[in-house]
Amino acid sequence: MNDPNLCQHLQAITQVKLSDEQVCEECIKHNQTWFHLRTCQTCGVTLCCDQSVNQHMTKHYHATQHPVIASAQPGERWLWCYPDEAFVEY
């Protein structure tokens, strides 16, 4: 993302990682359901969002400090930076 108004984490994204996965692997392991999916822009894992009961992507952020996620929902094109609480559509 080449926009000087963005935080350093969002500026560091040169190519958005998207996933073909349409499941939250953590929810699958525990026979649980999810609402929407997000893809980590550091490692590429796809997990459930904060509207899901288990909030696996936020737990992933707290465990790894990987700062930026992308929506993995069809038709949605946005990024979120956890540490800077910054949102951008692309």
Protein backbone atom coordinates (compact mmCIF):
# COMPACT_ATOMS: atom_id res chain seq x y z
CA MET A 1 0.00 0.00 0.00
CA ASN A 2 1.65 3.19 -1.10
CA ASP A 3 -0.16 5.87 0.92
CA PRO A 4 1.79 8.08 3.35
CA ASN A 5 -1.36 8.51 5.47
CA LEU A 6 -1.37 4.81 6.36
CA CYS A 7 0.40 3.33 9.37
CA GLN A 8 3.75 1.61 8.80
CA HIS A 9 2.18 -1.86 9.03
CA LEU A 10 -0.32 -1.16 6.25
CA GLN A 11 2.34 0.60 4.16
CA ALA A 12 4.46 -2.57 4.38
CA ILE A 13 1.81 -4.63 2.54
CA THR A 14 2.95 -4.92 -1.07
CA GLN A 15 0.65 -7.78 -2.06
CA VAL A 16 -2.50 -8.82 -0.21
CA LYS A 17 -2.48 -12.49 0.76
CA LEU A 18 -5.81 -14.11 0.03
CA SER A 19 -6.82 -17.61 0.98
CA ASP A 20 -8.78 -20.28 -0.83
CA GLU A 21 -9.70 -21.63 2.60
CA GLN A 22 -13.31 -21.03 3.51
CA VAL A 23 -13.05 -22.55 6.98
CA CYS A 24 -11.55 -21.59 10.31
CA GLU A 25 -9.15 -24.44 11.03
CA GLU A 26 -9.32 -23.78 14.80
CA CYS A 27 -13.12 -23.93 14.81
CA ILE A 28 -13.00 -27.16 12.76
CA LYS A 29 -10.63 -28.75 15.32
CA HIS A 30 -13.14 -28.06 18.11
CA ASN A 31 -16.34 -28.74 16.13
CA GLN A 32 -17.39 -25.08 16.37
CA THR A 33 -18.86 -22.62 13.88
CA TRP A 34 -17.63 -19.22 12.71
CA PHE A 35 -19.14 -16.07 11.24
CA HIS A 36 -16.62 -14.45 8.86
CA LEU A 37 -13.01 -15.25 8.02
CA ARG A 38 -9.83 -13.15 8.04
CA THR A 39 -6.38 -13.89 6.56
CA CYS A 40 -3.18 -12.94 8.40
CA GLN A 41 -0.92 -10.91 6.13
CA THR A 42 2.23 -12.16 7.85
CA CYS A 43 1.78 -15.93 7.79
CA GLY A 44 -1.31 -16.46 5.62
CA VAL A 45 -3.41 -18.38 8.16
CA THR A 46 -7.17 -17.92 7.79
CA LEU A 47 -9.22 -17.80 11.00
CA CYS A 48 -12.55 -16.52 12.28
CA CYS A 49 -13.37 -12.88 13.02
CA ASP A 50 -14.38 -11.07 16.20
CA GLN A 51 -18.07 -11.61 15.47
CA SER A 52 -17.40 -15.33 15.87
CA VAL A 53 -17.67 -16.78 19.36
CA ASN A 54 -14.01 -17.79 19.58
CA GLN A 55 -12.40 -14.80 17.84
CA HIS A 56 -9.50 -16.97 16.63
CA MET A 57 -7.88 -14.28 14.44
CA THR A 58 -7.63 -11.83 17.34
CA LYS A 59 -6.21 -14.62 19.52
CA HIS A 60 -3.69 -15.29 16.72
CA TYR A 61 -2.67 -11.61 16.77
CA HIS A 62 -2.18 -11.63 20.56
CA ALA A 63 -0.11 -14.83 20.37
CA THR A 64 2.05 -13.81 17.38
CA GLN A 65 1.89 -10.01 17.12
CA HIS A 66 1.25 -10.36 13.37
CA PRO A 67 -0.24 -6.89 12.83
CA VAL A 68 -2.37 -6.90 9.66
CA ILE A 69 -5.32 -9.00 8.50
CA ALA A 70 -7.42 -8.98 5.34
CA SER A 71 -11.04 -9.94 5.01
CA ALA A 72 -11.36 -13.38 3.45
CA GLN A 73 -15.01 -12.78 2.63
CA PRO A 74 -15.96 -12.78 -1.07
CA GLY A 75 -16.55 -9.24 -2.28
CA GLU A 76 -14.79 -7.58 0.67
CA ARG A 77 -11.45 -5.86 -0.01
CA TRP A 78 -10.07 -4.35 3.18
CA LEU A 79 -7.18 -4.57 5.62
CA TRP A 80 -7.10 -4.00 9.39
CA CYS A 81 -4.03 -3.19 11.48
CA TYR A 82 -4.41 -4.37 15.09
CA PRO A 83 -1.74 -2.25 16.83
CA ASP A 84 -2.71 0.99 15.09
CA GLU A 85 -6.44 0.22 14.85
CA ALA A 86 -6.30 1.32 11.22
CA PHE A 87 -8.64 0.24 8.44
CA VAL A 88 -8.17 0.65 4.68
CA GLU A 89 -10.06 -0.58 1.65
CA TYR A 90 -7.99 -1.60 -1.35
